[in-house]
Amino acid sequence: MSQLVSQPVPHPQTSLGAMPVVTLDVGGASPRRLAVRIREGEGPPVVWLGGFRSDMRATKAAALDAWAAQSGRRMVRFDYSGHGESEGRFEDGTISDWLADACAVIDRHANEQPILVGSSMGGWIACLVARERARRRVRVGGMVLIAPALDFTEALMWDVFPPEVRQALEQDGVWYRETPYAPKPDPICMALIEDGRRHLMLDAPLEPGCPVHILQGMADPDVPYAHALRILERLPAQGSRLTLIKDGDHRLSRPEDIDLLVRTVAAMA
């Protein structure tokens, strides 16, 4: 594990709710209104990219916001369309939509060498953002990826779904998956699976154009650590790191996990 300078980690609730919500309309004829929270500060802005059905008030995002408040760092949090405080229905969203949301927020509020912190699905979105910005010759300052779920719609969903689930998706267009992270099942839509195939990344080398540090729990039941190793294999040798937490789960939200996350982001920023 890389050596990181230890520092006190503020309680996640220290600054939660202190920043007002601003809105940003994304899209054309039928725009999606996104909720965004911006903490003013110095240095390259830190941008939180949440996971599937998560939101910007989640434990890790709140802890990073508290760190940003304490350290005077600029930080941007937002909810994808259909998530949290943003408009839209979750089941209508696709990877294309959530990527467009992220690009719009970053271009508007964090354009100068942002540090992207992506959790689970947010790790895939972060990598897609970095690729899109590289095409436009606009730099990303760095990425910290927590259990990054690149290509999850194919590699972690479709490829492992039993035949009856695939049949339900093809016939009904939606399948409801029980989840320990929410009281209601996740609606998994065939449109999400099909759209995800437009954004698959792991069949080729990854060239993010910035340092990348992955944090991965080895006891993660949702994104196996072998998936993180597969991602690492495709990243450049220079500037790419992987920290494995042997007893870490998918959320990595225990106090010791939060401490590691904050120290990793502080070192990257």
Protein backbone atom coordinates (compact mmCIF):
# COMPACT_ATOMS: atom_id res chain seq x y z
CA MET A 1 0.00 0.00 0.00
CA SER A 2 1.31 3.47 -0.80
CA GLN A 3 2.49 5.65 2.07
CA LEU A 4 0.02 8.44 2.75
CA VAL A 5 0.31 11.24 5.25
CA SER A 6 -2.12 10.69 8.13
CA GLN A 7 -4.47 13.52 9.08
CA PRO A 8 -7.60 13.84 11.20
CA VAL A 9 -10.74 12.86 9.33
CA PRO A 10 -13.75 15.10 10.09
CA HIS A 11 -17.05 13.50 10.94
CA PRO A 12 -19.17 13.11 7.78
CA GLN A 13 -21.97 15.19 9.27
CA THR A 14 -19.69 18.17 9.96
CA SER A 15 -20.71 20.04 6.82
CA LEU A 16 -23.57 18.00 5.41
CA GLY A 17 -26.34 20.25 4.17
CA ALA A 18 -24.25 23.40 4.64
CA MET A 19 -24.00 24.03 0.91
CA PRO A 20 -27.17 25.06 -0.95
CA VAL A 21 -28.32 23.16 -4.01
CA VAL A 22 -27.86 24.78 -7.39
CA THR A 23 -29.43 23.33 -10.51
CA LEU A 24 -28.10 22.59 -13.95
CA ASP A 25 -30.22 21.64 -16.97
CA VAL A 26 -28.72 18.92 -19.16
CA GLY A 27 -30.06 17.72 -22.49
CA GLY A 28 -31.82 19.20 -25.46
CA ALA A 29 -35.55 19.50 -26.05
CA SER A 30 -36.40 17.71 -22.79
CA PRO A 31 -33.68 18.79 -20.36
CA ARG A 32 -32.95 16.97 -17.12
CA ARG A 33 -32.56 19.23 -14.09
CA LEU A 34 -29.66 18.13 -11.91
CA ALA A 35 -29.04 19.02 -8.27
CA VAL A 36 -25.47 20.16 -7.58
CA ARG A 37 -23.66 21.22 -4.39
CA ILE A 38 -20.50 23.30 -4.72
CA ARG A 39 -18.05 23.97 -1.90
CA GLU A 40 -15.81 26.87 -2.80
CA GLY A 41 -12.10 26.51 -2.15
CA GLU A 42 -8.65 26.43 -3.66
CA GLY A 43 -6.74 23.92 -5.75
CA PRO A 44 -7.92 21.47 -8.38
CA PRO A 45 -11.59 20.75 -7.68
CA VAL A 46 -12.55 17.36 -6.27
CA VAL A 47 -15.64 15.89 -7.97
CA TRP A 48 -17.71 13.11 -6.41
CA LEU A 49 -19.20 10.58 -8.85
CA GLY A 50 -21.63 8.33 -7.01
CA GLY A 51 -22.69 4.78 -7.60
CA PHE A 52 -25.75 3.02 -8.99
CA ARG A 53 -28.82 4.37 -7.15
CA SER A 54 -26.62 6.23 -4.67
CA ASP A 55 -26.60 10.00 -4.10
CA MET A 56 -24.39 12.87 -3.03
CA ARG A 57 -25.46 12.62 0.64
CA ALA A 58 -23.94 9.16 1.01
CA THR A 59 -21.38 8.55 3.75
CA LYS A 60 -18.23 8.69 1.63
CA ALA A 61 -19.35 11.80 -0.27
CA ALA A 62 -20.25 13.57 2.98
CA ALA A 63 -16.91 12.64 4.54
CA LEU A 64 -15.03 14.07 1.56
CA ASP A 65 -17.10 17.24 1.71
CA ALA A 66 -16.24 17.62 5.40
CA TRP A 67 -12.55 17.16 4.52
CA ALA A 68 -12.87 19.77 1.76
CA ALA A 69 -14.45 22.23 4.20
CA GLN A 70 -11.65 21.66 6.70
CA SER A 71 -8.84 21.90 4.15
CA GLY A 72 -10.22 24.76 2.05
CA ARG A 73 -10.53 22.58 -1.06
CA ARG A 74 -13.06 23.17 -3.81
CA MET A 75 -15.45 20.23 -4.11
CA VAL A 76 -18.40 19.50 -6.35
CA ARG A 77 -21.10 16.90 -5.66
CA PHE A 78 -24.18 16.18 -7.75
CA ASP A 79 -26.88 13.59 -8.32
CA TYR A 80 -27.30 11.93 -11.70
CA SER A 81 -30.74 12.22 -13.26
CA GLY A 82 -33.14 9.87 -11.50
CA HIS A 83 -30.95 9.85 -8.39
CA GLY A 84 -31.23 11.72 -5.10
CA GLU A 85 -32.39 15.31 -5.49
CA SER A 86 -32.16 15.45 -9.29
CA GLU A 87 -35.19 15.19 -11.54
CA GLY A 88 -36.17 12.12 -13.54
CA ARG A 89 -37.00 8.47 -13.01
CA PHE A 90 -34.15 6.13 -12.18
CA GLU A 91 -35.43 3.38 -14.49
CA ASP A 92 -35.32 5.75 -17.47
CA GLY A 93 -31.61 6.43 -17.05
CA THR A 94 -28.72 4.93 -19.00
CA ILE A 95 -24.94 5.09 -18.86
CA SER A 96 -25.09 7.60 -21.74
CA ASP A 97 -27.41 9.85 -19.72
CA TRP A 98 -25.33 9.68 -16.54
CA LEU A 99 -22.10 10.26 -18.47
CA ALA A 100 -23.66 13.34 -20.09
CA ASP A 101 -24.74 14.53 -16.62
CA ALA A 102 -21.20 14.16 -15.28
CA CYS A 103 -19.57 15.88 -18.25
CA ALA A 104 -21.98 18.81 -18.03
CA VAL A 105 -21.41 19.32 -14.29
CA ILE A 106 -17.63 19.06 -14.61
CA ASP A 107 -17.46 21.38 -17.62
CA ARG A 108 -19.58 23.96 -15.80
CA HIS A 109 -18.29 23.76 -12.24
CA ALA A 110 -14.95 21.88 -12.17
CA ASN A 111 -13.27 22.28 -15.52
CA GLU A 112 -9.69 22.96 -14.34
CA GLN A 113 -7.84 19.63 -13.94
CA PRO A 114 -10.51 18.02 -11.73
CA ILE A 115 -9.76 15.16 -9.34
CA LEU A 116 -12.48 12.60 -10.03
CA VAL A 117 -13.54 10.36 -7.15
CA GLY A 118 -15.76 7.59 -8.49
CA SER A 119 -17.51 4.94 -6.41
CA SER A 120 -18.64 1.69 -8.06
CA MET A 121 -20.60 2.81 -11.16
CA GLY A 122 -19.03 6.22 -10.59
CA GLY A 123 -15.65 4.64 -11.29
CA TRP A 124 -16.86 3.68 -14.78
CA ILE A 125 -18.33 7.15 -15.27
CA ALA A 126 -15.02 8.71 -14.15
CA CYS A 127 -13.06 6.67 -16.70
CA LEU A 128 -15.54 7.56 -19.45
CA VAL A 129 -15.28 11.25 -18.49
CA ALA A 130 -11.49 11.05 -18.65
CA ARG A 131 -11.66 9.44 -22.09
CA GLU A 132 -14.12 12.04 -23.36
CA ARG A 133 -12.00 14.91 -22.06
CA ALA A 134 -8.85 13.39 -23.59
CA ARG A 135 -10.60 13.45 -26.96
CA ARG A 136 -11.15 17.17 -26.44
CA ARG A 137 -7.56 17.63 -25.22
CA VAL A 138 -8.81 18.72 -21.79
CA ARG A 139 -6.94 17.26 -18.84
CA VAL A 140 -8.16 15.37 -15.77
CA GLY A 141 -5.89 15.91 -12.78
CA GLY A 142 -6.28 12.43 -11.30
CA MET A 143 -8.75 9.72 -10.31
CA VAL A 144 -9.48 7.83 -7.11
CA LEU A 145 -11.74 4.86 -7.87
CA ILE A 146 -13.55 2.92 -5.14
CA ALA A 147 -14.55 -0.60 -6.21
CA PRO A 148 -14.74 0.65 -9.80
CA ALA A 149 -17.46 -1.15 -11.74
CA LEU A 150 -16.30 -0.60 -15.29
CA ASP A 151 -18.48 -2.42 -17.84
CA PHE A 152 -20.74 -3.63 -15.00
CA THR A 153 -23.88 -3.83 -17.15
CA GLU A 154 -22.18 -6.53 -19.21
CA ALA A 155 -19.44 -8.12 -17.08
CA LEU A 156 -21.23 -8.04 -13.71
CA MET A 157 -24.85 -8.23 -14.88
CA TRP A 158 -25.65 -9.72 -18.29
CA ASP A 159 -22.74 -12.19 -18.38
CA VAL A 160 -23.71 -13.68 -15.01
CA PHE A 161 -27.51 -13.48 -15.23
CA PRO A 162 -29.20 -16.90 -15.41
CA PRO A 163 -31.28 -17.68 -18.51
CA GLU A 164 -34.60 -16.86 -16.81
CA VAL A 165 -33.44 -13.34 -15.92
CA ARG A 166 -32.19 -12.69 -19.45
CA GLN A 167 -35.53 -13.95 -20.77
CA ALA A 168 -37.47 -11.62 -18.44
CA LEU A 169 -35.39 -8.66 -19.60
CA GLU A 170 -35.83 -9.49 -23.26
CA GLN A 171 -39.57 -10.06 -22.91
CA ASP A 172 -40.58 -7.44 -20.32
CA GLY A 173 -37.81 -4.88 -20.70
CA VAL A 174 -37.22 -4.80 -16.93
CA TRP A 175 -36.28 -7.14 -14.10
CA TYR A 176 -36.43 -6.23 -10.42
CA ARG A 177 -33.34 -7.27 -8.47
CA GLU A 178 -33.37 -7.47 -4.68
CA THR A 179 -30.63 -5.39 -3.06
CA PRO A 180 -29.30 -5.07 0.50
CA TYR A 181 -28.64 -1.37 -0.08
CA ALA A 182 -32.23 -0.15 -0.46
CA PRO A 183 -35.71 -1.14 0.80
CA LYS A 184 -37.02 -1.61 -2.75
CA PRO A 185 -35.59 -3.77 -5.54
CA ASP A 186 -33.41 -2.24 -8.25
CA PRO A 187 -35.24 -1.99 -11.58
CA ILE A 188 -32.74 -3.33 -14.12
CA CYS A 189 -33.86 -2.33 -17.62
CA MET A 190 -32.89 -3.89 -20.93
CA ALA A 191 -32.30 -0.35 -22.21
CA LEU A 192 -29.56 0.05 -19.57
CA ILE A 193 -27.89 -3.21 -20.66
CA GLU A 194 -28.04 -2.33 -24.35
CA ASP A 195 -26.80 1.21 -23.82
CA GLY A 196 -23.96 -0.03 -21.61
CA ARG A 197 -22.59 -1.96 -24.58
CA ARG A 198 -21.85 1.37 -26.27
CA HIS A 199 -19.41 2.27 -23.50
CA LEU A 200 -17.48 -0.93 -22.75
CA MET A 201 -13.83 -0.21 -21.92
CA LEU A 202 -12.13 -3.40 -20.75
CA ASP A 203 -11.50 -4.92 -24.17
CA ALA A 204 -8.67 -2.45 -24.81
CA PRO A 205 -5.91 -0.60 -22.92
CA LEU A 206 -7.08 2.26 -20.71
CA GLU A 207 -5.32 5.57 -21.24
CA PRO A 208 -6.82 8.03 -18.74
CA GLY A 209 -4.00 10.56 -19.11
CA CYS A 210 -3.71 11.01 -15.33
CA PRO A 211 -2.70 9.14 -12.16
CA VAL A 212 -5.20 6.53 -10.95
CA HIS A 213 -5.49 5.01 -7.47
CA ILE A 214 -8.00 2.17 -6.97
CA LEU A 215 -9.33 1.21 -3.53
CA GLN A 216 -10.88 -2.26 -3.52
CA GLY A 217 -12.28 -4.53 -0.83
CA MET A 218 -11.38 -8.18 -1.19
CA ALA A 219 -14.64 -9.19 0.52
CA ASP A 220 -16.75 -7.21 -1.95
CA PRO A 221 -19.67 -9.39 -3.10
CA ASP A 222 -20.77 -6.99 -5.84
CA VAL A 223 -17.53 -6.02 -7.59
CA PRO A 224 -15.04 -8.86 -7.06
CA TYR A 225 -11.45 -7.78 -6.53
CA ALA A 226 -10.52 -9.79 -9.64
CA HIS A 227 -12.41 -7.08 -11.54
CA ALA A 228 -10.11 -4.43 -10.07
CA LEU A 229 -7.08 -6.50 -11.09
CA ARG A 230 -8.47 -6.67 -14.62
CA ILE A 231 -8.77 -2.88 -14.66
CA LEU A 232 -5.24 -2.45 -13.30
CA GLU A 233 -3.86 -4.71 -16.03
CA ARG A 234 -5.27 -2.34 -18.65
CA LEU A 235 -3.98 0.87 -17.04
CA PRO A 236 -0.53 2.30 -17.78
CA ALA A 237 2.25 1.10 -15.44
CA GLN A 238 3.22 4.67 -14.68
CA GLY A 239 0.91 6.39 -12.19
CA SER A 240 -1.48 3.47 -11.55
CA ARG A 241 -1.94 2.01 -8.06
CA LEU A 242 -4.23 -0.51 -6.42
CA THR A 243 -4.82 -0.78 -2.67
CA LEU A 244 -6.57 -3.98 -1.59
CA ILE A 245 -8.42 -4.06 1.75
CA LYS A 246 -8.62 -7.73 2.68
CA ASP A 247 -11.72 -7.47 4.89
CA GLY A 248 -13.28 -4.59 2.94
CA ASP A 249 -16.81 -4.87 1.55
CA HIS A 250 -18.37 -3.02 -1.38
CA ARG A 251 -19.29 0.14 0.47
CA LEU A 252 -15.91 0.72 2.15
CA SER A 253 -17.67 3.06 4.58
CA ARG A 254 -16.23 1.93 7.92
CA PRO A 255 -14.21 4.59 9.81
CA GLU A 256 -10.92 3.01 8.74
CA ASP A 257 -12.12 2.88 5.11
CA ILE A 258 -13.18 6.52 5.22
CA ASP A 259 -9.80 7.46 6.70
CA LEU A 260 -8.01 5.67 3.85
CA LEU A 261 -10.25 7.31 1.25
CA VAL A 262 -9.68 10.81 2.59
CA ARG A 263 -5.91 10.31 2.79
CA THR A 264 -5.84 8.92 -0.74
CA VAL A 265 -7.84 11.82 -2.18
CA ALA A 266 -5.74 14.35 -0.24
CA ALA A 267 -2.55 12.80 -1.65
CA MET A 268 -3.95 12.79 -5.19
CA ALA A 269 -5.22 16.38 -4.89
